[in-house]
Amino acid sequence: MTKRLVHLLVLALAGPMALSCASRSQAQVDSAPPDAGGNVSPDVRGDLPPAGYGTLNQNNLAVNLRTEELEVRFLPLDERVLRLLAPDAYRSLRDLVASKRAAVDSLRVPAAGLVLVTFFSLKPDVLFDAYLAGVEVRSRQYRPIGVVPYSANFSSGQLRTREQATGILVFEEELSVYEPMTFSYGLLSTSAWRSNLTRIERERARVTAAAQAAEEKQK
């Protein structure tokens, strides 16, 4: 058999195989479960923990700031950390995001960073402004480009004593939840997220190991 015939035969056999591989790759992307923002990219990029194995609670991911009149609580609504929560807590926050997805999407931010913010009043008739909140990552300051109310009283911007209001801060891009972040409100800030990172990394490793062990048992 001549070299030319061999070459043509190899191409003929490789063509269907290449198409088959390409089809499988596309199918894997198409079947990847969506993140909290409705996107599939985190699954594809490989830094999304498996769901259903987390044990953390919301307080393990929250960061708090306190003024004389307010306590402000921040909780990143990022699938990369939400999947580390216990299943019930994870579903609760995913449902919360899903219920406000249309409002978030109306801001037309392709890969928005979302943070759940809660204001607790410590005094009567306290005013608050969600646009005074911010996040700093790698010396870059982010301010919300939009705010989506969650509780009915959020839009009023005012709280009675011991009252609380909750909304979603929308940032122009995903936050770097695996890195130190500084959360702020007005002139006050906290770097408490740094202390959460050790817990997050430990839980990521545990969740990954648990998922791998479950997969091995199924084989």
N, C-alpha and C. Protein backbone atom coordinates (compact mmCIF):
# COMPACT_ATOMS: atom_id res chain seq x y z
N MET A 1 0.85 -1.20 0.00
CA MET A 1 0.00 0.00 0.00
C MET A 1 0.88 1.24 0.00
N THR A 2 0.60 2.18 -0.86
CA THR A 2 1.42 3.38 -0.95
C THR A 2 1.21 4.26 0.27
N LYS A 3 2.18 5.16 0.50
CA LYS A 3 2.09 6.09 1.63
C LYS A 3 0.86 6.98 1.47
N ARG A 4 0.52 7.36 0.24
CA ARG A 4 -0.63 8.24 0.03
C ARG A 4 -1.93 7.55 0.43
N LEU A 5 -2.06 6.26 0.09
CA LEU A 5 -3.27 5.53 0.46
C LEU A 5 -3.38 5.36 1.96
N VAL A 6 -2.23 5.09 2.61
CA VAL A 6 -2.23 4.97 4.08
C VAL A 6 -2.69 6.28 4.72
N HIS A 7 -2.17 7.39 4.20
CA HIS A 7 -2.52 8.71 4.74
C HIS A 7 -4.01 8.98 4.60
N LEU A 8 -4.56 8.64 3.43
CA LEU A 8 -5.99 8.87 3.21
C LEU A 8 -6.84 7.99 4.13
N LEU A 9 -6.37 6.74 4.36
CA LEU A 9 -7.11 5.83 5.24
C LEU A 9 -7.13 6.35 6.67
N VAL A 10 -5.99 6.89 7.15
CA VAL A 10 -5.91 7.45 8.51
C VAL A 10 -6.87 8.61 8.66
N LEU A 11 -6.91 9.49 7.65
CA LEU A 11 -7.81 10.64 7.71
C LEU A 11 -9.26 10.20 7.74
N ALA A 12 -9.57 9.19 6.98
CA ALA A 12 -10.96 8.71 6.91
C ALA A 12 -11.41 8.15 8.26
N LEU A 13 -10.50 7.44 8.95
CA LEU A 13 -10.83 6.87 10.25
C LEU A 13 -10.87 7.93 11.34
N ALA A 14 -9.98 8.92 11.26
CA ALA A 14 -9.87 9.94 12.31
C ALA A 14 -11.03 10.90 12.28
N GLY A 15 -11.60 11.16 11.10
CA GLY A 15 -12.68 12.15 10.99
C GLY A 15 -13.85 11.86 11.91
N PRO A 16 -14.48 10.66 11.82
CA PRO A 16 -15.60 10.34 12.70
C PRO A 16 -15.24 10.37 14.17
N MET A 17 -14.00 9.90 14.50
CA MET A 17 -13.57 9.93 15.90
C MET A 17 -13.48 11.34 16.42
N ALA A 18 -12.94 12.26 15.61
CA ALA A 18 -12.82 13.65 16.04
C ALA A 18 -14.18 14.27 16.26
N LEU A 19 -15.12 13.96 15.31
CA LEU A 19 -16.47 14.50 15.46
C LEU A 19 -17.12 13.97 16.71
N SER A 20 -16.89 12.68 17.01
CA SER A 20 -17.48 12.07 18.20
C SER A 20 -16.95 12.73 19.46
N CYS A 21 -15.62 12.97 19.51
CA CYS A 21 -15.02 13.62 20.67
C CYS A 21 -15.56 15.03 20.85
N ALA A 22 -15.67 15.74 19.73
CA ALA A 22 -16.18 17.11 19.81
C ALA A 22 -17.61 17.12 20.32
N SER A 23 -18.42 16.12 19.88
CA SER A 23 -19.81 16.06 20.32
C SER A 23 -19.89 15.80 21.81
N ARG A 24 -19.02 14.88 22.32
CA ARG A 24 -19.02 14.58 23.75
C ARG A 24 -18.62 15.80 24.54
N SER A 25 -17.61 16.53 24.09
CA SER A 25 -17.15 17.72 24.81
C SER A 25 -18.25 18.76 24.89
N GLN A 26 -18.95 18.98 23.76
CA GLN A 26 -20.03 19.96 23.77
C GLN A 26 -21.17 19.51 24.67
N ALA A 27 -21.44 18.20 24.66
CA ALA A 27 -22.51 17.68 25.51
C ALA A 27 -22.19 17.89 26.98
N GLN A 28 -20.90 17.72 27.37
CA GLN A 28 -20.51 17.94 28.75
C GLN A 28 -20.73 19.38 29.14
N VAL A 29 -20.43 20.31 28.26
CA VAL A 29 -20.65 21.72 28.56
C VAL A 29 -22.13 22.02 28.66
N ASP A 30 -22.92 21.48 27.69
CA ASP A 30 -24.34 21.75 27.67
C ASP A 30 -25.05 21.19 28.89
N SER A 31 -24.54 20.05 29.43
CA SER A 31 -25.22 19.42 30.56
C SER A 31 -24.72 19.92 31.89
N ALA A 32 -23.71 20.81 31.91
CA ALA A 32 -23.17 21.31 33.17
C ALA A 32 -24.24 22.09 33.92
N PRO A 33 -24.42 21.82 35.24
CA PRO A 33 -25.45 22.53 35.99
C PRO A 33 -25.12 23.99 36.12
N PRO A 34 -26.14 24.88 36.12
CA PRO A 34 -25.89 26.32 36.21
C PRO A 34 -25.44 26.74 37.59
N ASP A 35 -24.72 27.87 37.67
CA ASP A 35 -24.34 28.43 38.95
C ASP A 35 -25.45 29.31 39.46
N ALA A 36 -25.20 30.05 40.57
CA ALA A 36 -26.23 30.89 41.16
C ALA A 36 -26.67 32.00 40.22
N GLY A 37 -25.83 32.32 39.24
CA GLY A 37 -26.18 33.36 38.29
C GLY A 37 -26.77 32.81 37.02
N GLY A 38 -27.01 31.48 36.98
CA GLY A 38 -27.61 30.91 35.79
C GLY A 38 -26.59 30.60 34.71
N ASN A 39 -25.27 30.71 35.00
CA ASN A 39 -24.24 30.46 34.00
C ASN A 39 -23.63 29.09 34.21
N VAL A 40 -23.07 28.50 33.14
CA VAL A 40 -22.45 27.19 33.28
C VAL A 40 -20.93 27.30 33.32
N SER A 41 -20.39 28.47 33.15
CA SER A 41 -18.94 28.62 33.05
C SER A 41 -18.16 28.13 34.26
N PRO A 42 -18.64 28.33 35.53
CA PRO A 42 -17.86 27.85 36.67
C PRO A 42 -17.63 26.35 36.63
N ASP A 43 -18.65 25.56 36.20
CA ASP A 43 -18.45 24.12 36.12
C ASP A 43 -17.36 23.77 35.13
N VAL A 44 -17.37 24.45 34.00
CA VAL A 44 -16.41 24.16 32.95
C VAL A 44 -15.01 24.58 33.37
N ARG A 45 -14.90 25.70 34.11
CA ARG A 45 -13.57 26.19 34.41
C ARG A 45 -12.90 25.40 35.54
N GLY A 46 -13.68 24.57 36.25
CA GLY A 46 -13.05 23.60 37.13
C GLY A 46 -12.84 24.02 38.57
N ASP A 47 -13.30 25.20 39.00
CA ASP A 47 -13.10 25.58 40.39
C ASP A 47 -14.41 25.58 41.18
N LEU A 48 -15.41 24.87 40.66
CA LEU A 48 -16.70 24.80 41.31
C LEU A 48 -16.80 23.50 42.11
N PRO A 49 -16.95 23.57 43.44
CA PRO A 49 -17.03 22.35 44.24
C PRO A 49 -18.29 21.54 43.89
N PRO A 50 -18.25 20.24 44.09
CA PRO A 50 -19.46 19.44 43.87
C PRO A 50 -20.54 19.81 44.87
N ALA A 51 -21.78 19.82 44.42
CA ALA A 51 -22.90 20.21 45.29
C ALA A 51 -23.38 19.02 46.10
N GLY A 52 -23.97 19.32 47.27
CA GLY A 52 -24.61 18.29 48.08
C GLY A 52 -23.77 17.71 49.19
N TYR A 53 -22.52 18.17 49.35
CA TYR A 53 -21.63 17.59 50.35
C TYR A 53 -21.19 18.61 51.41
N GLY A 54 -21.62 19.85 51.29
CA GLY A 54 -21.18 20.89 52.21
C GLY A 54 -21.77 20.74 53.60
N THR A 55 -21.11 21.35 54.58
CA THR A 55 -21.58 21.28 55.97
C THR A 55 -21.59 22.66 56.64
N LEU A 56 -21.15 23.70 55.94
CA LEU A 56 -21.07 25.02 56.55
C LEU A 56 -22.46 25.63 56.69
N ASN A 57 -22.56 26.65 57.56
CA ASN A 57 -23.79 27.42 57.65
C ASN A 57 -23.52 28.84 57.18
N GLN A 58 -24.57 29.63 57.06
CA GLN A 58 -24.41 30.98 56.52
C GLN A 58 -23.47 31.83 57.35
N ASN A 59 -23.49 31.65 58.65
CA ASN A 59 -22.60 32.44 59.51
C ASN A 59 -21.13 32.17 59.22
N ASN A 60 -20.83 30.98 58.70
CA ASN A 60 -19.43 30.66 58.37
C ASN A 60 -18.93 31.45 57.17
N LEU A 61 -19.85 31.98 56.35
CA LEU A 61 -19.46 32.73 55.16
C LEU A 61 -19.74 34.23 55.29
N ALA A 62 -20.47 34.62 56.31
CA ALA A 62 -20.87 36.02 56.45
C ALA A 62 -19.77 36.86 57.08
N VAL A 63 -19.81 38.15 56.75
CA VAL A 63 -18.90 39.14 57.33
C VAL A 63 -19.75 40.28 57.88
N ASN A 64 -19.44 40.73 59.10
CA ASN A 64 -20.26 41.76 59.75
C ASN A 64 -19.48 43.03 60.01
N LEU A 65 -20.19 44.14 59.88
CA LEU A 65 -19.66 45.46 60.22
C LEU A 65 -20.65 46.10 61.17
N ARG A 66 -20.17 46.88 62.12
CA ARG A 66 -21.06 47.51 63.09
C ARG A 66 -20.74 48.98 63.24
N THR A 67 -21.76 49.81 63.10
CA THR A 67 -21.65 51.23 63.37
C THR A 67 -22.41 51.52 64.67
N GLU A 68 -22.51 52.77 65.03
CA GLU A 68 -23.28 53.11 66.23
C GLU A 68 -24.76 52.86 66.04
N GLU A 69 -25.23 52.88 64.79
CA GLU A 69 -26.65 52.75 64.53
C GLU A 69 -27.04 51.47 63.81
N LEU A 70 -26.08 50.88 63.11
CA LEU A 70 -26.38 49.75 62.24
C LEU A 70 -25.40 48.61 62.42
N GLU A 71 -25.89 47.42 62.17
CA GLU A 71 -25.01 46.28 61.93
C GLU A 71 -25.26 45.85 60.49
N VAL A 72 -24.19 45.70 59.73
CA VAL A 72 -24.29 45.35 58.31
C VAL A 72 -23.67 43.97 58.10
N ARG A 73 -24.41 43.12 57.45
CA ARG A 73 -23.96 41.74 57.22
C ARG A 73 -23.83 41.49 55.72
N PHE A 74 -22.66 40.99 55.32
CA PHE A 74 -22.40 40.68 53.90
C PHE A 74 -22.25 39.17 53.74
N LEU A 75 -22.84 38.63 52.68
CA LEU A 75 -22.69 37.21 52.39
C LEU A 75 -22.60 37.04 50.87
N PRO A 76 -21.43 36.69 50.34
CA PRO A 76 -21.29 36.52 48.89
C PRO A 76 -22.21 35.42 48.35
N LEU A 77 -22.94 35.75 47.31
CA LEU A 77 -23.83 34.77 46.67
C LEU A 77 -23.12 34.18 45.45
N ASP A 78 -22.00 33.57 45.72
CA ASP A 78 -21.16 32.99 44.67
C ASP A 78 -21.22 31.48 44.79
N GLU A 79 -21.54 30.82 43.68
CA GLU A 79 -21.71 29.38 43.69
C GLU A 79 -20.48 28.65 44.22
N ARG A 80 -19.32 29.22 44.05
CA ARG A 80 -18.09 28.56 44.50
C ARG A 80 -18.02 28.42 46.01
N VAL A 81 -18.69 29.30 46.74
CA VAL A 81 -18.73 29.16 48.20
C VAL A 81 -20.10 28.67 48.67
N LEU A 82 -21.15 28.97 47.93
CA LEU A 82 -22.48 28.52 48.34
C LEU A 82 -22.55 26.99 48.38
N ARG A 83 -21.83 26.33 47.49
CA ARG A 83 -21.85 24.86 47.46
C ARG A 83 -21.16 24.23 48.67
N LEU A 84 -20.51 25.03 49.46
CA LEU A 84 -19.89 24.52 50.68
C LEU A 84 -20.86 24.54 51.86
N LEU A 85 -22.04 25.14 51.65
CA LEU A 85 -23.06 25.16 52.69
C LEU A 85 -23.76 23.81 52.77
N ALA A 86 -24.36 23.56 53.93
CA ALA A 86 -25.20 22.37 54.07
C ALA A 86 -26.33 22.44 53.05
N PRO A 87 -26.82 21.30 52.57
CA PRO A 87 -27.80 21.29 51.46
C PRO A 87 -28.99 22.22 51.64
N ASP A 88 -29.59 22.25 52.82
CA ASP A 88 -30.77 23.11 53.03
C ASP A 88 -30.41 24.59 52.89
N ALA A 89 -29.28 24.99 53.48
CA ALA A 89 -28.84 26.38 53.38
C ALA A 89 -28.48 26.74 51.95
N TYR A 90 -27.86 25.80 51.24
CA TYR A 90 -27.49 26.02 49.84
C TYR A 90 -28.73 26.23 48.98
N ARG A 91 -29.71 25.37 49.14
CA ARG A 91 -30.94 25.50 48.35
C ARG A 91 -31.67 26.79 48.66
N SER A 92 -31.68 27.17 49.93
CA SER A 92 -32.36 28.39 50.33
C SER A 92 -31.79 29.61 49.63
N LEU A 93 -30.46 29.72 49.58
CA LEU A 93 -29.84 30.88 48.94
C LEU A 93 -29.93 30.81 47.43
N ARG A 94 -29.88 29.62 46.87
CA ARG A 94 -30.06 29.51 45.41
C ARG A 94 -31.47 29.92 45.02
N ASP A 95 -32.45 29.53 45.84
CA ASP A 95 -33.83 29.93 45.56
C ASP A 95 -33.99 31.44 45.69
N LEU A 96 -33.29 32.02 46.66
CA LEU A 96 -33.35 33.48 46.83
C LEU A 96 -32.83 34.18 45.57
N VAL A 97 -31.69 33.73 45.07
CA VAL A 97 -31.12 34.34 43.87
C VAL A 97 -32.04 34.12 42.68
N ALA A 98 -32.58 32.91 42.56
CA ALA A 98 -33.47 32.61 41.44
C ALA A 98 -34.70 33.50 41.45
N SER A 99 -35.19 33.82 42.64
CA SER A 99 -36.39 34.65 42.73
C SER A 99 -36.15 36.07 42.27
N LYS A 100 -34.88 36.50 42.28
CA LYS A 100 -34.54 37.87 41.87
C LYS A 100 -33.72 37.89 40.58
N ARG A 101 -33.68 36.75 39.88
CA ARG A 101 -32.83 36.65 38.70
C ARG A 101 -33.23 37.65 37.62
N ALA A 102 -34.52 37.85 37.41
CA ALA A 102 -34.96 38.78 36.36
C ALA A 102 -34.48 40.19 36.66
N ALA A 103 -34.57 40.60 37.93
CA ALA A 103 -34.13 41.95 38.30
C ALA A 103 -32.63 42.10 38.14
N VAL A 104 -31.88 41.07 38.51
CA VAL A 104 -30.42 41.11 38.34
C VAL A 104 -30.06 41.17 36.86
N ASP A 105 -30.70 40.33 36.06
CA ASP A 105 -30.40 40.30 34.62
C ASP A 105 -30.75 41.60 33.92
N SER A 106 -31.71 42.33 34.47
CA SER A 106 -32.11 43.60 33.85
C SER A 106 -30.99 44.63 33.89
N LEU A 107 -30.00 44.41 34.75
CA LEU A 107 -28.86 45.31 34.83
C LEU A 107 -27.83 45.04 33.74
N ARG A 108 -28.03 43.95 33.01
CA ARG A 108 -27.20 43.61 31.84
C ARG A 108 -25.71 43.53 32.17
N VAL A 109 -25.41 42.75 33.20
CA VAL A 109 -24.02 42.47 33.57
C VAL A 109 -23.78 40.99 33.30
N PRO A 110 -22.94 40.64 32.32
CA PRO A 110 -22.77 39.23 31.92
C PRO A 110 -22.34 38.30 33.05
N ALA A 111 -21.41 38.72 33.88
CA ALA A 111 -20.92 37.87 34.98
C ALA A 111 -20.91 38.68 36.26
N ALA A 112 -22.07 39.02 36.73
CA ALA A 112 -22.20 39.90 37.90
C ALA A 112 -21.74 39.20 39.17
N GLY A 113 -21.14 39.99 40.06
CA GLY A 113 -20.85 39.54 41.41
C GLY A 113 -22.01 39.91 42.30
N LEU A 114 -22.52 38.96 43.07
CA LEU A 114 -23.68 39.20 43.92
C LEU A 114 -23.33 39.01 45.39
N VAL A 115 -23.81 39.94 46.20
CA VAL A 115 -23.59 39.86 47.64
C VAL A 115 -24.91 40.15 48.34
N LEU A 116 -25.31 39.26 49.23
CA LEU A 116 -26.50 39.49 50.03
C LEU A 116 -26.12 40.42 51.18
N VAL A 117 -26.82 41.53 51.31
CA VAL A 117 -26.52 42.48 52.37
C VAL A 117 -27.76 42.63 53.25
N THR A 118 -27.52 42.61 54.56
CA THR A 118 -28.61 42.78 55.52
C THR A 118 -28.25 43.89 56.49
N PHE A 119 -29.17 44.82 56.69
CA PHE A 119 -28.99 45.92 57.62
C PHE A 119 -29.86 45.67 58.85
N PHE A 120 -29.23 45.69 60.04
CA PHE A 120 -29.94 45.56 61.31
C PHE A 120 -29.86 46.90 62.03
N SER A 121 -30.99 47.42 62.44
CA SER A 121 -30.97 48.71 63.16
C SER A 121 -30.72 48.49 64.65
N LEU A 122 -29.92 49.36 65.22
CA LEU A 122 -29.61 49.31 66.65
C LEU A 122 -30.29 50.45 67.40
N LYS A 123 -30.84 51.40 66.66
CA LYS A 123 -31.53 52.55 67.23
C LYS A 123 -32.79 52.82 66.43
N PRO A 124 -33.70 53.64 66.94
CA PRO A 124 -34.93 53.92 66.19
C PRO A 124 -34.69 54.84 65.00
N ASP A 125 -35.49 54.63 63.96
CA ASP A 125 -35.49 55.49 62.78
C ASP A 125 -34.10 55.67 62.18
N VAL A 126 -33.45 54.55 61.92
CA VAL A 126 -32.11 54.56 61.36
C VAL A 126 -32.19 54.55 59.83
N LEU A 127 -31.41 55.41 59.19
CA LEU A 127 -31.35 55.45 57.73
C LEU A 127 -30.18 54.58 57.25
N PHE A 128 -30.35 53.97 56.07
CA PHE A 128 -29.25 53.21 55.48
C PHE A 128 -29.27 53.42 53.97
N ASP A 129 -28.11 53.23 53.37
CA ASP A 129 -27.97 53.42 51.92
C ASP A 129 -27.07 52.30 51.39
N ALA A 130 -27.65 51.34 50.66
CA ALA A 130 -26.89 50.19 50.18
C ALA A 130 -25.76 50.58 49.25
N TYR A 131 -25.86 51.73 48.60
CA TYR A 131 -24.81 52.16 47.68
C TYR A 131 -23.56 52.66 48.41
N LEU A 132 -23.63 52.76 49.73
CA LEU A 132 -22.44 53.08 50.52
C LEU A 132 -21.61 51.84 50.83
N ALA A 133 -22.14 50.66 50.47
CA ALA A 133 -21.40 49.42 50.68
C ALA A 133 -20.38 49.24 49.56
N GLY A 134 -19.34 48.47 49.84
CA GLY A 134 -18.32 48.23 48.83
C GLY A 134 -17.47 47.03 49.17
N VAL A 135 -16.69 46.60 48.20
CA VAL A 135 -15.76 45.48 48.36
C VAL A 135 -14.44 45.88 47.72
N GLU A 136 -13.36 45.56 48.41
CA GLU A 136 -12.02 45.82 47.85
C GLU A 136 -11.29 44.50 47.68
N VAL A 137 -10.76 44.27 46.49
CA VAL A 137 -9.99 43.07 46.18
C VAL A 137 -8.74 43.50 45.42
N ARG A 138 -7.58 43.06 45.89
CA ARG A 138 -6.30 43.40 45.25
C ARG A 138 -6.17 44.91 45.05
N SER A 139 -6.51 45.64 46.08
CA SER A 139 -6.40 47.11 46.09
C SER A 139 -7.36 47.79 45.12
N ARG A 140 -8.29 47.04 44.56
CA ARG A 140 -9.29 47.64 43.68
C ARG A 140 -10.62 47.74 44.40
N GLN A 141 -11.20 48.91 44.40
CA GLN A 141 -12.46 49.14 45.10
C GLN A 141 -13.65 48.93 44.15
N TYR A 142 -14.62 48.15 44.58
CA TYR A 142 -15.83 47.92 43.82
C TYR A 142 -17.01 48.54 44.55
N ARG A 143 -17.84 49.25 43.82
CA ARG A 143 -19.10 49.76 44.35
C ARG A 143 -20.24 49.10 43.58
N PRO A 144 -21.37 48.86 44.22
CA PRO A 144 -22.48 48.22 43.50
C PRO A 144 -22.97 49.08 42.34
N ILE A 145 -23.18 48.43 41.20
CA ILE A 145 -23.75 49.13 40.05
C ILE A 145 -25.27 49.06 40.08
N GLY A 146 -25.78 48.25 41.00
CA GLY A 146 -27.22 48.13 41.16
C GLY A 146 -27.52 47.43 42.47
N VAL A 147 -28.72 47.63 42.97
CA VAL A 147 -29.17 47.00 44.21
C VAL A 147 -30.56 46.43 43.96
N VAL A 148 -30.75 45.18 44.31
CA VAL A 148 -32.05 44.52 44.12
C VAL A 148 -32.65 44.26 45.50
N PRO A 149 -33.73 44.92 45.85
CA PRO A 149 -34.37 44.68 47.16
C PRO A 149 -34.86 43.24 47.28
N TYR A 150 -34.75 42.69 48.46
CA TYR A 150 -35.32 41.37 48.73
C TYR A 150 -36.47 41.48 49.73
N SER A 151 -36.20 42.09 50.88
CA SER A 151 -37.30 42.29 51.82
C SER A 151 -38.13 43.50 51.40
N ALA A 152 -39.38 43.50 51.80
CA ALA A 152 -40.31 44.55 51.35
C ALA A 152 -39.91 45.93 51.81
N ASN A 153 -39.22 46.03 52.96
CA ASN A 153 -38.88 47.34 53.53
C ASN A 153 -37.54 47.87 53.06
N PHE A 154 -36.86 47.13 52.16
CA PHE A 154 -35.50 47.52 51.78
C PHE A 154 -35.47 48.85 51.04
N SER A 155 -36.43 49.07 50.18
CA SER A 155 -36.42 50.28 49.35
C SER A 155 -36.66 51.55 50.15
N SER A 156 -37.24 51.44 51.35
CA SER A 156 -37.53 52.63 52.15
C SER A 156 -36.26 53.29 52.66
N GLY A 157 -35.19 52.49 52.86
CA GLY A 157 -33.95 53.06 53.37
C GLY A 157 -34.02 53.50 54.81
N GLN A 158 -35.00 53.01 55.55
CA GLN A 158 -35.17 53.41 56.94
C GLN A 158 -35.67 52.22 57.76
N LEU A 159 -35.15 52.11 58.99
CA LEU A 159 -35.51 50.99 59.85
C LEU A 159 -35.93 51.46 61.23
N ARG A 160 -36.89 50.74 61.80
CA ARG A 160 -37.22 50.97 63.20
C ARG A 160 -36.26 50.19 64.07
N THR A 161 -36.36 50.35 65.37
CA THR A 161 -35.46 49.67 66.30
C THR A 161 -35.55 48.16 66.14
N ARG A 162 -34.40 47.49 66.04
CA ARG A 162 -34.28 46.05 65.91
C ARG A 162 -34.94 45.50 64.65
N GLU A 163 -35.15 46.35 63.67
CA GLU A 163 -35.71 45.90 62.40
C GLU A 163 -34.56 45.59 61.44
N GLN A 164 -34.82 44.77 60.44
CA GLN A 164 -33.80 44.47 59.45
C GLN A 164 -34.36 44.54 58.04
N ALA A 165 -33.47 44.76 57.08
CA ALA A 165 -33.83 44.83 55.67
C ALA A 165 -32.74 44.13 54.86
N THR A 166 -33.15 43.39 53.84
CA THR A 166 -32.21 42.57 53.06
C THR A 166 -32.34 42.86 51.57
N GLY A 167 -31.20 42.90 50.89
CA GLY A 167 -31.19 43.10 49.46
C GLY A 167 -29.95 42.46 48.84
N ILE A 168 -29.84 42.54 47.53
CA ILE A 168 -28.70 41.97 46.81
C ILE A 168 -27.90 43.10 46.17
N LEU A 169 -26.62 43.17 46.50
CA LEU A 169 -25.72 44.11 45.85
C LEU A 169 -25.21 43.47 44.56
N VAL A 170 -25.25 44.22 43.48
CA VAL A 170 -24.80 43.70 42.18
C VAL A 170 -23.55 44.45 41.76
N PHE A 171 -22.46 43.70 41.56
CA PHE A 171 -21.19 44.29 41.15
C PHE A 171 -20.90 43.96 39.69
N GLU A 172 -19.99 44.70 39.10
CA GLU A 172 -19.75 44.61 37.66
C GLU A 172 -19.06 43.32 37.24
N GLU A 173 -18.50 42.58 38.17
CA GLU A 173 -17.87 41.31 37.82
C GLU A 173 -17.85 40.40 39.04
N GLU A 174 -17.59 39.12 38.79
CA GLU A 174 -17.52 38.16 39.89
C GLU A 174 -16.45 38.57 40.90
N LEU A 175 -16.74 38.34 42.16
CA LEU A 175 -15.76 38.65 43.20
C LEU A 175 -14.79 37.49 43.36
N SER A 176 -13.59 37.80 43.81
CA SER A 176 -12.55 36.78 43.99
C SER A 176 -12.72 36.15 45.37
N VAL A 177 -13.68 35.24 45.47
CA VAL A 177 -14.05 34.69 46.78
C VAL A 177 -12.98 33.79 47.38
N TYR A 178 -12.01 33.37 46.60
CA TYR A 178 -10.92 32.55 47.13
C TYR A 178 -9.72 33.40 47.55
N GLU A 179 -9.88 34.70 47.55
CA GLU A 179 -8.81 35.62 47.94
C GLU A 179 -9.31 36.54 49.06
N PRO A 180 -8.37 37.19 49.77
CA PRO A 180 -8.79 38.15 50.81
C PRO A 180 -9.60 39.29 50.19
N MET A 181 -10.70 39.63 50.84
CA MET A 181 -11.54 40.74 50.41
C MET A 181 -11.84 41.62 51.61
N THR A 182 -11.96 42.91 51.36
CA THR A 182 -12.32 43.86 52.41
C THR A 182 -13.71 44.41 52.10
N PHE A 183 -14.63 44.23 53.03
CA PHE A 183 -15.98 44.75 52.88
C PHE A 183 -16.09 46.07 53.64
N SER A 184 -16.85 46.99 53.08
CA SER A 184 -16.95 48.31 53.70
C SER A 184 -18.36 48.84 53.64
N TYR A 185 -18.61 49.77 54.56
CA TYR A 185 -19.86 50.54 54.53
C TYR A 185 -19.51 51.94 55.02
N GLY A 186 -19.67 52.88 54.13
CA GLY A 186 -19.25 54.24 54.46
C GLY A 186 -17.75 54.28 54.68
N LEU A 187 -17.34 54.80 55.83
CA LEU A 187 -15.91 54.92 56.15
C LEU A 187 -15.38 53.71 56.92
N LEU A 188 -16.25 52.79 57.27
CA LEU A 188 -15.83 51.62 58.04
C LEU A 188 -15.57 50.44 57.11
N SER A 189 -14.61 49.60 57.48
CA SER A 189 -14.30 48.42 56.67
C SER A 189 -13.84 47.28 57.56
N THR A 190 -13.91 46.08 57.02
CA THR A 190 -13.45 44.90 57.74
C THR A 190 -12.76 43.93 56.78
N SER A 191 -11.70 43.32 57.24
CA SER A 191 -10.97 42.30 56.47
C SER A 191 -11.27 40.90 57.00
N ALA A 192 -12.41 40.75 57.66
CA ALA A 192 -12.75 39.48 58.29
C ALA A 192 -12.87 38.33 57.30
N TRP A 193 -13.08 38.65 56.02
CA TRP A 193 -13.17 37.57 55.03
C TRP A 193 -11.89 36.73 55.01
N ARG A 194 -10.78 37.36 55.32
CA ARG A 194 -9.50 36.64 55.33
C ARG A 194 -9.57 35.45 56.29
N SER A 195 -10.21 35.64 57.43
CA SER A 195 -10.31 34.55 58.40
C SER A 195 -11.26 33.45 57.93
N ASN A 196 -12.15 33.77 56.98
CA ASN A 196 -13.05 32.75 56.43
C ASN A 196 -12.34 31.85 55.43
N LEU A 197 -11.25 32.34 54.86
CA LEU A 197 -10.61 31.60 53.77
C LEU A 197 -10.06 30.25 54.22
N THR A 198 -9.51 30.18 55.43
CA THR A 198 -8.99 28.91 55.93
C THR A 198 -10.12 27.89 56.03
N ARG A 199 -11.25 28.31 56.56
CA ARG A 199 -12.41 27.43 56.67
C ARG A 199 -12.91 27.02 55.28
N ILE A 200 -12.92 27.95 54.35
CA ILE A 200 -13.40 27.67 52.99
C ILE A 200 -12.49 26.66 52.30
N GLU A 201 -11.18 26.86 52.41
CA GLU A 201 -10.24 25.94 51.76
C GLU A 201 -10.34 24.54 52.37
N ARG A 202 -10.48 24.49 53.69
CA ARG A 202 -10.60 23.19 54.36
C ARG A 202 -11.88 22.47 53.92
N GLU A 203 -12.98 23.22 53.82
CA GLU A 203 -14.24 22.62 53.42
C GLU A 203 -14.22 22.21 51.94
N ARG A 204 -13.58 22.99 51.11
CA ARG A 204 -13.44 22.62 49.69
C ARG A 204 -12.74 21.28 49.56
N ALA A 205 -11.66 21.10 50.31
CA ALA A 205 -10.91 19.84 50.25
C ALA A 205 -11.77 18.69 50.75
N ARG A 206 -12.50 18.91 51.84
CA ARG A 206 -13.33 17.84 52.40
C ARG A 206 -14.47 17.47 51.44
N VAL A 207 -15.12 18.49 50.86
CA VAL A 207 -16.22 18.25 49.93
C VAL A 207 -15.74 17.49 48.70
N THR A 208 -14.59 17.87 48.16
CA THR A 208 -14.04 17.20 46.99
C THR A 208 -13.73 15.74 47.30
N ALA A 209 -13.13 15.50 48.47
CA ALA A 209 -12.81 14.12 48.87
C ALA A 209 -14.08 13.30 49.05
N ALA A 210 -15.11 13.89 49.65
CA ALA A 210 -16.37 13.17 49.87
C ALA A 210 -17.03 12.81 48.55
N ALA A 211 -17.00 13.74 47.59
CA ALA A 211 -17.59 13.48 46.28
C ALA A 211 -16.83 12.38 45.54
N GLN A 212 -15.51 12.41 45.66
CA GLN A 212 -14.69 11.38 45.00
C GLN A 212 -14.95 10.01 45.62
N ALA A 213 -15.08 9.97 46.95
CA ALA A 213 -15.36 8.71 47.61
C ALA A 213 -16.73 8.15 47.22
N ALA A 214 -17.71 9.04 47.10
CA ALA A 214 -19.04 8.59 46.68
C ALA A 214 -19.02 8.07 45.25
N GLU A 215 -18.21 8.70 44.41
CA GLU A 215 -18.10 8.25 43.02
C GLU A 215 -17.43 6.89 42.94
N GLU A 216 -16.43 6.67 43.78
CA GLU A 216 -15.75 5.38 43.77
C GLU A 216 -16.69 4.27 44.21
N LYS A 217 -17.56 4.56 45.18
CA LYS A 217 -18.49 3.54 45.67
C LYS A 217 -19.48 3.12 44.58
N GLN A 218 -19.78 4.04 43.70
CA GLN A 218 -20.76 3.76 42.64
C GLN A 218 -20.17 2.93 41.50
N LYS A 219 -18.84 2.85 41.46
CA LYS A 219 -18.20 2.10 40.37
C LYS A 219 -18.30 0.61 40.62
